[in-house]
Amino acid sequence: MNNDDLVLRQQRLLARSAELRLTLTSQGQVFKSPLALVDQSQAVLQWLYRNPQWPLGALVALAVLRPRRAILWGGRLWWSWKMLRRAQKWIAAVPRQQRLP
């Protein structure tokens, strides 16, 4: 291979690389909206961890204003929490080879 062949090959590779970057950019736009939603959810959770007084205040207000509804939803949430914990323990107990890849 002489120098001209190498230069021509390099130019082709650079053009192909630019084409692939453009394709990747256009195909990556599909993930933009779901990832933005995940980022927003993460920001909300971080805010809740830093400011727990607001959700707790809302729960206290609900318990004072609507005690029957608060007890009903509290029971449902407690049951859901127990089921989630039970499912997590069950999944952790399943051997790794049996899990789907």
PDB file of N, CA and C in Angstrom:
ATOM      1  N   MET A   1       0.839  -1.180   0.000  1.00  0.00           N
ATOM      2  CA  MET A   1       0.000   0.000   0.000  1.00  0.00           C
ATOM      3  C   MET A   1       0.879   1.236   0.000  1.00  0.00           C
ATOM      4  N   ASN A   2       0.532   2.118  -0.879  1.00  0.00           N
ATOM      5  CA  ASN A   2       1.309   3.356  -0.899  1.00  0.00           C
ATOM      6  C   ASN A   2       0.595   4.421  -0.075  1.00  0.00           C
ATOM      7  N   ASN A   3       1.184   5.567  -0.007  1.00  0.00           N
ATOM      8  CA  ASN A   3       0.679   6.655   0.835  1.00  0.00           C
ATOM      9  C   ASN A   3      -0.697   7.140   0.376  1.00  0.00           C
ATOM     10  N   ASP A   4      -0.916   7.188  -0.939  1.00  0.00           N
ATOM     11  CA  ASP A   4      -2.209   7.659  -1.460  1.00  0.00           C
ATOM     12  C   ASP A   4      -3.349   6.720  -1.050  1.00  0.00           C
ATOM     13  N   ASP A   5      -3.066   5.418  -1.084  1.00  0.00           N
ATOM     14  CA  ASP A   5      -4.085   4.451  -0.666  1.00  0.00           C
ATOM     15  C   ASP A   5      -4.440   4.615   0.809  1.00  0.00           C
ATOM     16  N   LEU A   6      -3.416   4.854   1.613  1.00  0.00           N
ATOM     17  CA  LEU A   6      -3.656   5.035   3.039  1.00  0.00           C
ATOM     18  C   LEU A   6      -4.460   6.303   3.322  1.00  0.00           C
ATOM     19  N   VAL A   7      -4.167   7.363   2.617  1.00  0.00           N
ATOM     20  CA  VAL A   7      -4.897   8.622   2.794  1.00  0.00           C
ATOM     21  C   VAL A   7      -6.346   8.441   2.358  1.00  0.00           C
ATOM     22  N   LEU A   8      -6.547   7.765   1.241  1.00  0.00           N
ATOM     23  CA  LEU A   8      -7.901   7.507   0.763  1.00  0.00           C
ATOM     24  C   LEU A   8      -8.682   6.646   1.755  1.00  0.00           C
ATOM     25  N   ARG A   9      -8.035   5.618   2.299  1.00  0.00           N
ATOM     26  CA  ARG A   9      -8.693   4.760   3.295  1.00  0.00           C
ATOM     27  C   ARG A   9      -9.030   5.551   4.554  1.00  0.00           C
ATOM     28  N   GLN A  10      -8.121   6.396   4.982  1.00  0.00           N
ATOM     29  CA  GLN A  10      -8.372   7.222   6.165  1.00  0.00           C
ATOM     30  C   GLN A  10      -9.575   8.149   5.934  1.00  0.00           C
ATOM     31  N   GLN A  11      -9.660   8.746   4.768  1.00  0.00           N
ATOM     32  CA  GLN A  11     -10.788   9.626   4.460  1.00  0.00           C
ATOM     33  C   GLN A  11     -12.108   8.853   4.448  1.00  0.00           C
ATOM     34  N   ARG A  12     -12.086   7.655   3.892  1.00  0.00           N
ATOM     35  CA  ARG A  12     -13.297   6.828   3.883  1.00  0.00           C
ATOM     36  C   ARG A  12     -13.720   6.465   5.313  1.00  0.00           C
ATOM     37  N   LEU A  13     -12.739   6.112   6.123  1.00  0.00           N
ATOM     38  CA  LEU A  13     -13.049   5.762   7.506  1.00  0.00           C
ATOM     39  C   LEU A  13     -13.593   6.960   8.281  1.00  0.00           C
ATOM     40  N   LEU A  14     -13.030   8.134   8.046  1.00  0.00           N
ATOM     41  CA  LEU A  14     -13.523   9.336   8.721  1.00  0.00           C
ATOM     42  C   LEU A  14     -14.943   9.667   8.273  1.00  0.00           C
ATOM     43  N   ALA A  15     -15.229   9.494   6.983  1.00  0.00           N
ATOM     44  CA  ALA A  15     -16.580   9.749   6.483  1.00  0.00           C
ATOM     45  C   ALA A  15     -17.563   8.740   7.068  1.00  0.00           C
ATOM     46  N   ARG A  16     -17.153   7.481   7.138  1.00  0.00           N
ATOM     47  CA  ARG A  16     -18.017   6.439   7.719  1.00  0.00           C
ATOM     48  C   ARG A  16     -18.250   6.711   9.206  1.00  0.00           C
ATOM     49  N   SER A  17     -17.227   7.128   9.890  1.00  0.00           N
ATOM     50  CA  SER A  17     -17.360   7.449  11.309  1.00  0.00           C
ATOM     51  C   SER A  17     -18.335   8.603  11.524  1.00  0.00           C
ATOM     52  N   ALA A  18     -18.251   9.630  10.707  1.00  0.00           N
ATOM     53  CA  ALA A  18     -19.180  10.761  10.819  1.00  0.00           C
ATOM     54  C   ALA A  18     -20.606  10.311  10.529  1.00  0.00           C
ATOM     55  N   GLU A  19     -20.769   9.442   9.532  1.00  0.00           N
ATOM     56  CA  GLU A  19     -22.102   8.920   9.198  1.00  0.00           C
ATOM     57  C   GLU A  19     -22.672   8.108  10.361  1.00  0.00           C
ATOM     58  N   LEU A  20     -21.842   7.279  10.975  1.00  0.00           N
ATOM     59  CA  LEU A  20     -22.298   6.474  12.106  1.00  0.00           C
ATOM     60  C   LEU A  20     -22.657   7.345  13.310  1.00  0.00           C
ATOM     61  N   ARG A  21     -21.909   8.410  13.555  1.00  0.00           N
ATOM     62  CA  ARG A  21     -22.237   9.325  14.656  1.00  0.00           C
ATOM     63  C   ARG A  21     -23.589   9.988  14.426  1.00  0.00           C
ATOM     64  N   LEU A  22     -23.860  10.396  13.180  1.00  0.00           N
ATOM     65  CA  LEU A  22     -25.156  10.999  12.881  1.00  0.00           C
ATOM     66  C   LEU A  22     -26.298   9.994  13.056  1.00  0.00           C
ATOM     67  N   THR A  23     -26.073   8.762  12.625  1.00  0.00           N
ATOM     68  CA  THR A  23     -27.084   7.717  12.792  1.00  0.00           C
ATOM     69  C   THR A  23     -27.343   7.448  14.268  1.00  0.00           C
ATOM     70  N   LEU A  24     -26.277   7.361  15.043  1.00  0.00           N
ATOM     71  CA  LEU A  24     -26.420   7.126  16.481  1.00  0.00           C
ATOM     72  C   LEU A  24     -27.160   8.271  17.158  1.00  0.00           C
ATOM     73  N   THR A  25     -26.873   9.492  16.755  1.00  0.00           N
ATOM     74  CA  THR A  25     -27.557  10.655  17.324  1.00  0.00           C
ATOM     75  C   THR A  25     -29.042  10.617  17.008  1.00  0.00           C
ATOM     76  N   SER A  26     -29.392  10.310  15.778  1.00  0.00           N
ATOM     77  CA  SER A  26     -30.809  10.279  15.410  1.00  0.00           C
ATOM     78  C   SER A  26     -31.537   9.127  16.094  1.00  0.00           C
ATOM     79  N   GLN A  27     -30.895   7.976  16.228  1.00  0.00           N
ATOM     80  CA  GLN A  27     -31.526   6.846  16.889  1.00  0.00           C
ATOM     81  C   GLN A  27     -31.612   7.049  18.392  1.00  0.00           C
ATOM     82  N   GLY A  28     -30.708   7.814  18.955  1.00  0.00           N
ATOM     83  CA  GLY A  28     -30.712   8.085  20.389  1.00  0.00           C
ATOM     84  C   GLY A  28     -31.825   9.015  20.821  1.00  0.00           C
ATOM     85  N   GLN A  29     -32.429   9.725  19.890  1.00  0.00           N
ATOM     86  CA  GLN A  29     -33.517  10.645  20.227  1.00  0.00           C
ATOM     87  C   GLN A  29     -34.724   9.906  20.789  1.00  0.00           C
ATOM     88  N   VAL A  30     -34.844   8.623  20.500  1.00  0.00           N
ATOM     89  CA  VAL A  30     -35.947   7.817  21.005  1.00  0.00           C
ATOM     90  C   VAL A  30     -35.919   7.772  22.539  1.00  0.00           C
ATOM     91  N   PHE A  31     -34.726   7.777  23.110  1.00  0.00           N
ATOM     92  CA  PHE A  31     -34.568   7.654  24.552  1.00  0.00           C
ATOM     93  C   PHE A  31     -34.643   8.989  25.283  1.00  0.00           C
ATOM     94  N   LYS A  32     -34.706  10.081  24.551  1.00  0.00           N
ATOM     95  CA  LYS A  32     -34.649  11.401  25.172  1.00  0.00           C
ATOM     96  C   LYS A  32     -35.822  11.633  26.124  1.00  0.00           C
ATOM     97  N   SER A  33     -37.030  11.351  25.699  1.00  0.00           N
ATOM     98  CA  SER A  33     -38.209  11.600  26.528  1.00  0.00           C
ATOM     99  C   SER A  33     -38.276  10.676  27.750  1.00  0.00           C
ATOM    100  N   PRO A  34     -38.084   9.355  27.596  1.00  0.00           N
ATOM    101  CA  PRO A  34     -38.118   8.500  28.792  1.00  0.00           C
ATOM    102  C   PRO A  34     -37.015   8.835  29.793  1.00  0.00           C
ATOM    103  N   LEU A  35     -35.832   9.160  29.296  1.00  0.00           N
ATOM    104  CA  LEU A  35     -34.743   9.496  30.210  1.00  0.00           C
ATOM    105  C   LEU A  35     -34.996  10.826  30.916  1.00  0.00           C
ATOM    106  N   ALA A  36     -35.657  11.754  30.229  1.00  0.00           N
ATOM    107  CA  ALA A  36     -36.025  13.014  30.881  1.00  0.00           C
ATOM    108  C   ALA A  36     -37.018  12.756  32.006  1.00  0.00           C
ATOM    109  N   LEU A  37     -37.944  11.837  31.785  1.00  0.00           N
ATOM    110  CA  LEU A  37     -38.909  11.475  32.826  1.00  0.00           C
ATOM    111  C   LEU A  37     -38.207  10.837  34.027  1.00  0.00           C
ATOM    112  N   VAL A  38     -37.241   9.978  33.762  1.00  0.00           N
ATOM    113  CA  VAL A  38     -36.471   9.352  34.838  1.00  0.00           C
ATOM    114  C   VAL A  38     -35.694  10.414  35.614  1.00  0.00           C
ATOM    115  N   ASP A  39     -35.075  11.353  34.914  1.00  0.00           N
ATOM    116  CA  ASP A  39     -34.342  12.426  35.578  1.00  0.00           C
ATOM    117  C   ASP A  39     -35.259  13.267  36.454  1.00  0.00           C
ATOM    118  N   GLN A  40     -36.442  13.567  35.948  1.00  0.00           N
ATOM    119  CA  GLN A  40     -37.391  14.371  36.713  1.00  0.00           C
ATOM    120  C   GLN A  40     -37.864  13.606  37.952  1.00  0.00           C
ATOM    121  N   SER A  41     -38.126  12.322  37.804  1.00  0.00           N
ATOM    122  CA  SER A  41     -38.542  11.507  38.946  1.00  0.00           C
ATOM    123  C   SER A  41     -37.442  11.445  39.996  1.00  0.00           C
ATOM    124  N   GLN A  42     -36.210  11.311  39.544  1.00  0.00           N
ATOM    125  CA  GLN A  42     -35.085  11.275  40.476  1.00  0.00           C
ATOM    126  C   GLN A  42     -34.953  12.600  41.209  1.00  0.00           C
ATOM    127  N   ALA A  43     -35.165  13.698  40.521  1.00  0.00           N
ATOM    128  CA  ALA A  43     -35.097  15.013  41.174  1.00  0.00           C
ATOM    129  C   ALA A  43     -36.200  15.166  42.219  1.00  0.00           C
ATOM    130  N   VAL A  44     -37.388  14.659  41.908  1.00  0.00           N
ATOM    131  CA  VAL A  44     -38.496  14.730  42.874  1.00  0.00           C
ATOM    132  C   VAL A  44     -38.169  13.901  44.109  1.00  0.00           C
ATOM    133  N   LEU A  45     -37.645  12.697  43.913  1.00  0.00           N
ATOM    134  CA  LEU A  45     -37.294  11.853  45.051  1.00  0.00           C
ATOM    135  C   LEU A  45     -36.201  12.487  45.906  1.00  0.00           C
ATOM    136  N   GLN A  46     -35.214  13.100  45.273  1.00  0.00           N
ATOM    137  CA  GLN A  46     -34.166  13.782  46.029  1.00  0.00           C
ATOM    138  C   GLN A  46     -34.746  14.931  46.836  1.00  0.00           C
ATOM    139  N   TRP A  47     -35.683  15.655  46.247  1.00  0.00           N
ATOM    140  CA  TRP A  47     -36.318  16.752  46.973  1.00  0.00           C
ATOM    141  C   TRP A  47     -37.086  16.212  48.175  1.00  0.00           C
ATOM    142  N   LEU A  48     -37.808  15.104  47.974  1.00  0.00           N
ATOM    143  CA  LEU A  48     -38.563  14.507  49.080  1.00  0.00           C
ATOM    144  C   LEU A  48     -37.642  14.039  50.208  1.00  0.00           C
ATOM    145  N   TYR A  49     -36.476  13.481  49.863  1.00  0.00           N
ATOM    146  CA  TYR A  49     -35.534  13.054  50.889  1.00  0.00           C
ATOM    147  C   TYR A  49     -34.969  14.249  51.659  1.00  0.00           C
ATOM    148  N   ARG A  50     -34.771  15.353  50.957  1.00  0.00           N
ATOM    149  CA  ARG A  50     -34.241  16.553  51.629  1.00  0.00           C
ATOM    150  C   ARG A  50     -35.308  17.303  52.403  1.00  0.00           C
ATOM    151  N   ASN A  51     -36.579  17.171  52.030  1.00  0.00           N
ATOM    152  CA  ASN A  51     -37.678  17.904  52.657  1.00  0.00           C
ATOM    153  C   ASN A  51     -38.786  16.944  53.094  1.00  0.00           C
ATOM    154  N   PRO A  52     -38.526  16.085  54.064  1.00  0.00           N
ATOM    155  CA  PRO A  52     -39.555  15.115  54.451  1.00  0.00           C
ATOM    156  C   PRO A  52     -40.720  15.747  55.211  1.00  0.00           C
ATOM    157  N   GLN A  53     -40.570  16.970  55.658  1.00  0.00           N
ATOM    158  CA  GLN A  53     -41.632  17.600  56.440  1.00  0.00           C
ATOM    159  C   GLN A  53     -42.890  17.840  55.604  1.00  0.00           C
ATOM    160  N   TRP A  54     -42.758  18.090  54.307  1.00  0.00           N
ATOM    161  CA  TRP A  54     -43.934  18.368  53.471  1.00  0.00           C
ATOM    162  C   TRP A  54     -44.821  17.147  53.271  1.00  0.00           C
ATOM    163  N   PRO A  55     -44.293  16.002  52.860  1.00  0.00           N
ATOM    164  CA  PRO A  55     -45.185  14.844  52.745  1.00  0.00           C
ATOM    165  C   PRO A  55     -45.725  14.388  54.103  1.00  0.00           C
ATOM    166  N   LEU A  56     -44.909  14.504  55.153  1.00  0.00           N
ATOM    167  CA  LEU A  56     -45.405  14.139  56.482  1.00  0.00           C
ATOM    168  C   LEU A  56     -46.523  15.073  56.924  1.00  0.00           C
ATOM    169  N   GLY A  57     -46.371  16.362  56.642  1.00  0.00           N
ATOM    170  CA  GLY A  57     -47.420  17.325  56.965  1.00  0.00           C
ATOM    171  C   GLY A  57     -48.699  17.026  56.213  1.00  0.00           C
ATOM    172  N   ALA A  58     -48.574  16.629  54.954  1.00  0.00           N
ATOM    173  CA  ALA A  58     -49.762  16.276  54.172  1.00  0.00           C
ATOM    174  C   ALA A  58     -50.442  15.033  54.749  1.00  0.00           C
ATOM    175  N   LEU A  59     -49.651  14.067  55.192  1.00  0.00           N
ATOM    176  CA  LEU A  59     -50.235  12.876  55.805  1.00  0.00           C
ATOM    177  C   LEU A  59     -50.936  13.197  57.119  1.00  0.00           C
ATOM    178  N   VAL A  60     -50.338  14.064  57.916  1.00  0.00           N
ATOM    179  CA  VAL A  60     -50.973  14.462  59.178  1.00  0.00           C
ATOM    180  C   VAL A  60     -52.277  15.206  58.888  1.00  0.00           C
ATOM    181  N   ALA A  61     -52.250  16.098  57.918  1.00  0.00           N
ATOM    182  CA  ALA A  61     -53.468  16.833  57.561  1.00  0.00           C
ATOM    183  C   ALA A  61     -54.554  15.873  57.075  1.00  0.00           C
ATOM    184  N   LEU A  62     -54.176  14.889  56.282  1.00  0.00           N
ATOM    185  CA  LEU A  62     -55.139  13.897  55.816  1.00  0.00           C
ATOM    186  C   LEU A  62     -55.713  13.110  56.986  1.00  0.00           C
ATOM    187  N   ALA A  63     -54.839  12.733  57.928  1.00  0.00           N
ATOM    188  CA  ALA A  63     -55.302  11.963  59.083  1.00  0.00           C
ATOM    189  C   ALA A  63     -56.243  12.781  59.958  1.00  0.00           C
ATOM    190  N   VAL A  64     -56.008  14.088  60.043  1.00  0.00           N
ATOM    191  CA  VAL A  64     -56.872  14.939  60.866  1.00  0.00           C
ATOM    192  C   VAL A  64     -58.192  15.219  60.159  1.00  0.00           C
ATOM    193  N   LEU A  65     -58.127  15.525  58.866  1.00  0.00           N
ATOM    194  CA  LEU A  65     -59.332  15.898  58.138  1.00  0.00           C
ATOM    195  C   LEU A  65     -60.174  14.699  57.705  1.00  0.00           C
ATOM    196  N   ARG A  66     -59.544  13.633  57.338  1.00  0.00           N
ATOM    197  CA  ARG A  66     -60.247  12.440  56.849  1.00  0.00           C
ATOM    198  C   ARG A  66     -59.669  11.183  57.527  1.00  0.00           C
ATOM    199  N   PRO A  67     -59.939  10.977  58.783  1.00  0.00           N
ATOM    200  CA  PRO A  67     -59.297   9.846  59.487  1.00  0.00           C
ATOM    201  C   PRO A  67     -59.677   8.481  58.914  1.00  0.00           C
ATOM    202  N   ARG A  68     -60.917   8.307  58.501  1.00  0.00           N
ATOM    203  CA  ARG A  68     -61.329   7.013  57.966  1.00  0.00           C
ATOM    204  C   ARG A  68     -60.575   6.704  56.674  1.00  0.00           C
ATOM    205  N   ARG A  69     -60.476   7.702  55.811  1.00  0.00           N
ATOM    206  CA  ARG A  69     -59.753   7.518  54.554  1.00  0.00           C
ATOM    207  C   ARG A  69     -58.268   7.272  54.816  1.00  0.00           C
ATOM    208  N   ALA A  70     -57.710   7.982  55.796  1.00  0.00           N
ATOM    209  CA  ALA A  70     -56.295   7.803  56.128  1.00  0.00           C
ATOM    210  C   ALA A  70     -56.039   6.386  56.635  1.00  0.00           C
ATOM    211  N   ILE A  71     -56.936   5.865  57.462  1.00  0.00           N
ATOM    212  CA  ILE A  71     -56.774   4.503  57.977  1.00  0.00           C
ATOM    213  C   ILE A  71     -56.901   3.493  56.842  1.00  0.00           C
ATOM    214  N   LEU A  72     -57.864   3.709  55.958  1.00  0.00           N
ATOM    215  CA  LEU A  72     -58.059   2.811  54.823  1.00  0.00           C
ATOM    216  C   LEU A  72     -56.819   2.774  53.937  1.00  0.00           C
ATOM    217  N   TRP A  73     -56.321   3.943  53.545  1.00  0.00           N
ATOM    218  CA  TRP A  73     -55.149   3.999  52.681  1.00  0.00           C
ATOM    219  C   TRP A  73     -53.890   3.559  53.416  1.00  0.00           C
ATOM    220  N   GLY A  74     -53.826   3.828  54.700  1.00  0.00           N
ATOM    221  CA  GLY A  74     -52.678   3.350  55.474  1.00  0.00           C
ATOM    222  C   GLY A  74     -52.605   1.837  55.475  1.00  0.00           C
ATOM    223  N   GLY A  75     -53.757   1.184  55.635  1.00  0.00           N
ATOM    224  CA  GLY A  75     -53.784  -0.276  55.583  1.00  0.00           C
ATOM    225  C   GLY A  75     -53.379  -0.811  54.222  1.00  0.00           C
ATOM    226  N   ARG A  76     -53.862  -0.173  53.193  1.00  0.00           N
ATOM    227  CA  ARG A  76     -53.498  -0.603  51.828  1.00  0.00           C
ATOM    228  C   ARG A  76     -52.002  -0.427  51.583  1.00  0.00           C
ATOM    229  N   LEU A  77     -51.463   0.699  52.006  1.00  0.00           N
ATOM    230  CA  LEU A  77     -50.029   0.938  51.825  1.00  0.00           C
ATOM    231  C   LEU A  77     -49.192  -0.033  52.639  1.00  0.00           C
ATOM    232  N   TRP A  78     -49.612  -0.328  53.849  1.00  0.00           N
ATOM    233  CA  TRP A  78     -48.884  -1.276  54.692  1.00  0.00           C
ATOM    234  C   TRP A  78     -48.895  -2.666  54.046  1.00  0.00           C
ATOM    235  N   TRP A  79     -50.056  -3.098  53.548  1.00  0.00           N
ATOM    236  CA  TRP A  79     -50.150  -4.388  52.887  1.00  0.00           C
ATOM    237  C   TRP A  79     -49.252  -4.420  51.648  1.00  0.00           C
ATOM    238  N   SER A  80     -49.261  -3.329  50.863  1.00  0.00           N
ATOM    239  CA  SER A  80     -48.423  -3.252  49.658  1.00  0.00           C
ATOM    240  C   SER A  80     -46.950  -3.329  50.021  1.00  0.00           C
ATOM    241  N   TRP A  81     -46.568  -2.644  51.082  1.00  0.00           N
ATOM    242  CA  TRP A  81     -45.178  -2.650  51.522  1.00  0.00           C
ATOM    243  C   TRP A  81     -44.759  -4.067  51.931  1.00  0.00           C
ATOM    244  N   LYS A  82     -45.624  -4.753  52.666  1.00  0.00           N
ATOM    245  CA  LYS A  82     -45.294  -6.112  53.088  1.00  0.00           C
ATOM    246  C   LYS A  82     -45.168  -7.036  51.883  1.00  0.00           C
ATOM    247  N   MET A  83     -46.046  -6.908  50.915  1.00  0.00           N
ATOM    248  CA  MET A  83     -45.985  -7.749  49.719  1.00  0.00           C
ATOM    249  C   MET A  83     -44.716  -7.460  48.907  1.00  0.00           C
ATOM    250  N   LEU A  84     -44.345  -6.183  48.823  1.00  0.00           N
ATOM    251  CA  LEU A  84     -43.120  -5.820  48.109  1.00  0.00           C
ATOM    252  C   LEU A  84     -41.904  -6.436  48.786  1.00  0.00           C
ATOM    253  N   ARG A  85     -41.835  -6.342  50.101  1.00  0.00           N
ATOM    254  CA  ARG A  85     -40.708  -6.921  50.839  1.00  0.00           C
ATOM    255  C   ARG A  85     -40.677  -8.445  50.662  1.00  0.00           C
ATOM    256  N   ARG A  86     -41.846  -9.072  50.711  1.00  0.00           N
ATOM    257  CA  ARG A  86     -41.917 -10.517  50.541  1.00  0.00           C
ATOM    258  C   ARG A  86     -41.442 -10.910  49.135  1.00  0.00           C
ATOM    259  N   ALA A  87     -41.850 -10.156  48.131  1.00  0.00           N
ATOM    260  CA  ALA A  87     -41.428 -10.438  46.749  1.00  0.00           C
ATOM    261  C   ALA A  87     -39.928 -10.239  46.592  1.00  0.00           C
ATOM    262  N   GLN A  88     -39.376  -9.211  47.227  1.00  0.00           N
ATOM    263  CA  GLN A  88     -37.927  -8.977  47.142  1.00  0.00           C
ATOM    264  C   GLN A  88     -37.157 -10.127  47.778  1.00  0.00           C
ATOM    265  N   LYS A  89     -37.635 -10.609  48.919  1.00  0.00           N
ATOM    266  CA  LYS A  89     -36.963 -11.743  49.577  1.00  0.00           C
ATOM    267  C   LYS A  89     -37.080 -12.998  48.719  1.00  0.00           C
ATOM    268  N   TRP A  90     -38.238 -13.206  48.103  1.00  0.00           N
ATOM    269  CA  TRP A  90     -38.429 -14.368  47.261  1.00  0.00           C
ATOM    270  C   TRP A  90     -37.507 -14.321  46.046  1.00  0.00           C
ATOM    271  N   ILE A  91     -37.400 -13.146  45.416  1.00  0.00           N
ATOM    272  CA  ILE A  91     -36.528 -13.000  44.245  1.00  0.00           C
ATOM    273  C   ILE A  91     -35.072 -13.200  44.638  1.00  0.00           C
ATOM    274  N   ALA A  92     -34.690 -12.694  45.810  1.00  0.00           N
ATOM    275  CA  ALA A  92     -33.305 -12.862  46.262  1.00  0.00           C
ATOM    276  C   ALA A  92     -32.992 -14.325  46.557  1.00  0.00           C
ATOM    277  N   ALA A  93     -34.000 -15.107  46.933  1.00  0.00           N
ATOM    278  CA  ALA A  93     -33.779 -16.511  47.260  1.00  0.00           C
ATOM    279  C   ALA A  93     -33.671 -17.391  46.016  1.00  0.00           C
ATOM    280  N   VAL A  94     -34.151 -16.930  44.876  1.00  0.00           N
ATOM    281  CA  VAL A  94     -34.084 -17.724  43.646  1.00  0.00           C
ATOM    282  C   VAL A  94     -32.631 -17.784  43.189  1.00  0.00           C
ATOM    283  N   PRO A  95     -32.127 -18.983  42.901  1.00  0.00           N
ATOM    284  CA  PRO A  95     -30.744 -19.083  42.422  1.00  0.00           C
ATOM    285  C   PRO A  95     -30.521 -18.281  41.148  1.00  0.00           C
ATOM    286  N   ARG A  96     -29.343 -17.742  40.986  1.00  0.00           N
ATOM    287  CA  ARG A  96     -29.034 -16.843  39.876  1.00  0.00           C
ATOM    288  C   ARG A  96     -29.175 -17.520  38.518  1.00  0.00           C
ATOM    289  N   GLN A  97     -28.918 -18.835  38.418  1.00  0.00           N
ATOM    290  CA  GLN A  97     -28.988 -19.517  37.129  1.00  0.00           C
ATOM    291  C   GLN A  97     -30.429 -19.593  36.626  1.00  0.00           C
ATOM    292  N   GLN A  98     -31.399 -19.588  37.514  1.00  0.00           N
ATOM    293  CA  GLN A  98     -32.782 -19.717  37.101  1.00  0.00           C
ATOM    294  C   GLN A  98     -33.387 -18.389  36.656  1.00  0.00           C
ATOM    295  N   ARG A  99     -32.748 -17.280  36.997  1.00  0.00           N
ATOM    296  CA  ARG A  99     -33.274 -15.977  36.604  1.00  0.00           C
ATOM    297  C   ARG A  99     -33.072 -15.756  35.116  1.00  0.00           C
ATOM    298  N   LEU A 100     -33.915 -14.932  34.541  1.00  0.00           N
ATOM    299  CA  LEU A 100     -33.762 -14.604  33.124  1.00  0.00           C
ATOM    300  C   LEU A 100     -32.571 -13.685  32.948  1.00  0.00           C
ATOM    301  N   PRO A 101     -31.869 -13.777  31.822  1.00  0.00           N
ATOM    302  CA  PRO A 101     -30.682 -12.913  31.601  1.00  0.00           C
ATOM    303  C   PRO A 101     -31.053 -11.461  31.420  1.00  0.00           C
TER     304      PRO A 101
END
